[in-house]
Amino acid sequence: MRPVVLLIGRLPDVMRNVIHELEDLPIQWLGAHDRDEVIAQLDAEPNVQSVVMGAGLDDAIRGELIGVIASRRPDLCIHVKDRASGPAGMAPFARRVVESEMLHWKRLDVA
């Protein structure tokens, strides 16, 4: 079974592009754009192992989403992208998170 990562972002096209750009990684990607979608994804998929949040969302919304995620799934790491790299920085950020947090540890477990 592939690890599941929840991507949260404001722009649907950016999210689709990120998932397409990272399809080489052995990850199942889920997307969410607002509070209701985040809750629905967390409730529907118990195997979410990490969360990557984009910078397009307002800080108040990002803070609220962090609270929602932490209250429902305190076991998850929530990675919040910087704003300086813009929408084009989302895929490289998500790749770094997955490669360092999930794939690196998986390789160590196998060795």
C-alpha atoms as a PDB file:
ATOM      1  CA  MET A   1       0.000   0.000   0.000  1.00  0.00           C
ATOM      2  CA  ARG A   2       1.309   3.437  -0.920  1.00  0.00           C
ATOM      3  CA  PRO A   3       1.557   6.140   1.750  1.00  0.00           C
ATOM      4  CA  VAL A   4      -1.153   8.805   1.540  1.00  0.00           C
ATOM      5  CA  VAL A   5      -0.405  12.541   1.613  1.00  0.00           C
ATOM      6  CA  LEU A   6      -3.082  15.221   1.888  1.00  0.00           C
ATOM      7  CA  LEU A   7      -2.284  18.320  -0.193  1.00  0.00           C
ATOM      8  CA  ILE A   8      -4.162  21.440   0.837  1.00  0.00           C
ATOM      9  CA  GLY A   9      -4.238  24.460  -1.418  1.00  0.00           C
ATOM     10  CA  ARG A  10      -6.385  27.288  -2.689  1.00  0.00           C
ATOM     11  CA  LEU A  11      -5.955  26.787  -6.438  1.00  0.00           C
ATOM     12  CA  PRO A  12      -7.336  23.547  -7.953  1.00  0.00           C
ATOM     13  CA  ASP A  13      -5.090  23.831 -11.028  1.00  0.00           C
ATOM     14  CA  VAL A  14      -1.974  24.099  -8.869  1.00  0.00           C
ATOM     15  CA  MET A  15      -3.034  21.018  -6.929  1.00  0.00           C
ATOM     16  CA  ARG A  16      -3.667  19.003 -10.118  1.00  0.00           C
ATOM     17  CA  ASN A  17      -0.317  20.119 -11.554  1.00  0.00           C
ATOM     18  CA  VAL A  18       1.507  19.179  -8.354  1.00  0.00           C
ATOM     19  CA  ILE A  19      -0.046  15.716  -8.296  1.00  0.00           C
ATOM     20  CA  HIS A  20       0.802  15.237 -11.979  1.00  0.00           C
ATOM     21  CA  GLU A  21       4.376  16.498 -11.503  1.00  0.00           C
ATOM     22  CA  LEU A  22       4.942  14.136  -8.557  1.00  0.00           C
ATOM     23  CA  GLU A  23       3.369  11.023 -10.036  1.00  0.00           C
ATOM     24  CA  ASP A  24       6.817   9.385 -10.119  1.00  0.00           C
ATOM     25  CA  LEU A  25       6.752   9.142  -6.306  1.00  0.00           C
ATOM     26  CA  PRO A  26       5.154   6.058  -4.733  1.00  0.00           C
ATOM     27  CA  ILE A  27       2.539   8.195  -2.971  1.00  0.00           C
ATOM     28  CA  GLN A  28      -1.248   8.375  -3.101  1.00  0.00           C
ATOM     29  CA  TRP A  29      -2.155  12.064  -3.212  1.00  0.00           C
ATOM     30  CA  LEU A  30      -5.403  13.507  -1.911  1.00  0.00           C
ATOM     31  CA  GLY A  31      -6.402  17.126  -2.429  1.00  0.00           C
ATOM     32  CA  ALA A  32      -8.453  19.587  -0.413  1.00  0.00           C
ATOM     33  CA  HIS A  33      -9.223  23.276  -0.866  1.00  0.00           C
ATOM     34  CA  ASP A  34     -11.169  24.225   2.259  1.00  0.00           C
ATOM     35  CA  ARG A  35     -12.170  23.154   5.779  1.00  0.00           C
ATOM     36  CA  ASP A  36     -15.008  20.870   4.674  1.00  0.00           C
ATOM     37  CA  GLU A  37     -12.824  19.061   2.139  1.00  0.00           C
ATOM     38  CA  VAL A  38     -10.036  18.618   4.687  1.00  0.00           C
ATOM     39  CA  ILE A  39     -12.459  17.074   7.169  1.00  0.00           C
ATOM     40  CA  ALA A  40     -14.004  14.864   4.483  1.00  0.00           C
ATOM     41  CA  GLN A  41     -10.594  13.590   3.327  1.00  0.00           C
ATOM     42  CA  LEU A  42      -9.397  12.879   6.871  1.00  0.00           C
ATOM     43  CA  ASP A  43     -12.635  11.076   7.710  1.00  0.00           C
ATOM     44  CA  ALA A  44     -12.659   9.060   4.474  1.00  0.00           C
ATOM     45  CA  GLU A  45      -8.984   8.078   4.420  1.00  0.00           C
ATOM     46  CA  PRO A  46      -7.543   6.833   7.728  1.00  0.00           C
ATOM     47  CA  ASN A  47      -4.184   6.101   6.050  1.00  0.00           C
ATOM     48  CA  VAL A  48      -3.205   9.755   5.570  1.00  0.00           C
ATOM     49  CA  GLN A  49       0.360   9.901   6.860  1.00  0.00           C
ATOM     50  CA  SER A  50       1.274  13.537   6.247  1.00  0.00           C
ATOM     51  CA  VAL A  51      -0.195  16.913   5.278  1.00  0.00           C
ATOM     52  CA  VAL A  52       1.330  19.504   2.941  1.00  0.00           C
ATOM     53  CA  MET A  53      -0.342  22.917   2.978  1.00  0.00           C
ATOM     54  CA  GLY A  54       0.184  25.531   0.281  1.00  0.00           C
ATOM     55  CA  ALA A  55       0.787  29.224   0.757  1.00  0.00           C
ATOM     56  CA  GLY A  56      -2.172  30.506  -1.254  1.00  0.00           C
ATOM     57  CA  LEU A  57      -4.511  30.293   1.713  1.00  0.00           C
ATOM     58  CA  ASP A  58      -4.919  33.216   4.089  1.00  0.00           C
ATOM     59  CA  ASP A  59      -3.032  32.869   7.386  1.00  0.00           C
ATOM     60  CA  ALA A  60      -6.260  32.768   9.406  1.00  0.00           C
ATOM     61  CA  ILE A  61      -7.542  29.898   7.259  1.00  0.00           C
ATOM     62  CA  ARG A  62      -4.225  28.065   7.475  1.00  0.00           C
ATOM     63  CA  GLY A  63      -4.299  28.429  11.252  1.00  0.00           C
ATOM     64  CA  GLU A  64      -7.857  27.137  11.422  1.00  0.00           C
ATOM     65  CA  LEU A  65      -7.001  24.168   9.207  1.00  0.00           C
ATOM     66  CA  ILE A  66      -3.979  23.314  11.349  1.00  0.00           C
ATOM     67  CA  GLY A  67      -6.279  23.290  14.381  1.00  0.00           C
ATOM     68  CA  VAL A  68      -8.853  21.093  12.625  1.00  0.00           C
ATOM     69  CA  ILE A  69      -6.208  18.614  11.474  1.00  0.00           C
ATOM     70  CA  ALA A  70      -4.439  18.516  14.838  1.00  0.00           C
ATOM     71  CA  SER A  71      -7.696  17.922  16.717  1.00  0.00           C
ATOM     72  CA  ARG A  72      -8.779  15.091  14.404  1.00  0.00           C
ATOM     73  CA  ARG A  73      -5.371  13.542  13.732  1.00  0.00           C
ATOM     74  CA  PRO A  74      -2.753  14.591  16.307  1.00  0.00           C
ATOM     75  CA  ASP A  75      -0.416  11.936  14.856  1.00  0.00           C
ATOM     76  CA  LEU A  76       0.082  13.818  11.564  1.00  0.00           C
ATOM     77  CA  CYS A  77       2.915  16.140  10.639  1.00  0.00           C
ATOM     78  CA  ILE A  78       1.621  19.307   8.973  1.00  0.00           C
ATOM     79  CA  HIS A  79       4.061  20.978   6.587  1.00  0.00           C
ATOM     80  CA  VAL A  80       3.300  24.604   5.681  1.00  0.00           C
ATOM     81  CA  LYS A  81       4.870  25.998   2.509  1.00  0.00           C
ATOM     82  CA  ASP A  82       6.473  29.438   2.386  1.00  0.00           C
ATOM     83  CA  ARG A  83       4.947  32.192   0.257  1.00  0.00           C
ATOM     84  CA  ALA A  84       8.187  33.406  -1.335  1.00  0.00           C
ATOM     85  CA  SER A  85       8.475  30.478  -3.765  1.00  0.00           C
ATOM     86  CA  GLY A  86       4.996  31.085  -5.203  1.00  0.00           C
ATOM     87  CA  PRO A  87       2.700  28.465  -6.738  1.00  0.00           C
ATOM     88  CA  ALA A  88       5.599  26.984  -8.723  1.00  0.00           C
ATOM     89  CA  GLY A  89       7.301  26.101  -5.439  1.00  0.00           C
ATOM     90  CA  MET A  90       4.534  23.755  -4.266  1.00  0.00           C
ATOM     91  CA  ALA A  91       5.701  20.636  -6.138  1.00  0.00           C
ATOM     92  CA  PRO A  92       9.370  20.952  -5.081  1.00  0.00           C
ATOM     93  CA  PHE A  93       8.255  21.595  -1.486  1.00  0.00           C
ATOM     94  CA  ALA A  94       5.942  18.555  -1.465  1.00  0.00           C
ATOM     95  CA  ARG A  95       8.685  16.429  -3.037  1.00  0.00           C
ATOM     96  CA  ARG A  96      11.194  17.448  -0.333  1.00  0.00           C
ATOM     97  CA  VAL A  97       8.676  16.678   2.408  1.00  0.00           C
ATOM     98  CA  VAL A  98       7.821  13.250   1.027  1.00  0.00           C
ATOM     99  CA  GLU A  99      11.380  12.256   0.174  1.00  0.00           C
ATOM    100  CA  SER A 100      12.791  13.310   3.531  1.00  0.00           C
ATOM    101  CA  GLU A 101       9.912  12.343   5.812  1.00  0.00           C
ATOM    102  CA  MET A 102       8.346   9.293   4.236  1.00  0.00           C
ATOM    103  CA  LEU A 103      10.546   7.675   1.620  1.00  0.00           C
ATOM    104  CA  HIS A 104      13.808   8.106   3.544  1.00  0.00           C
ATOM    105  CA  TRP A 105      12.374   6.357   6.601  1.00  0.00           C
ATOM    106  CA  LYS A 106      10.846   3.627   4.468  1.00  0.00           C
ATOM    107  CA  ARG A 107      14.265   2.893   2.931  1.00  0.00           C
ATOM    108  CA  LEU A 108      15.819   2.751   6.403  1.00  0.00           C
ATOM    109  CA  ASP A 109      13.145   0.312   7.599  1.00  0.00           C
ATOM    110  CA  VAL A 110      13.908  -2.038   4.707  1.00  0.00           C
ATOM    111  CA  ALA A 111      17.683  -1.968   5.196  1.00  0.00           C
END
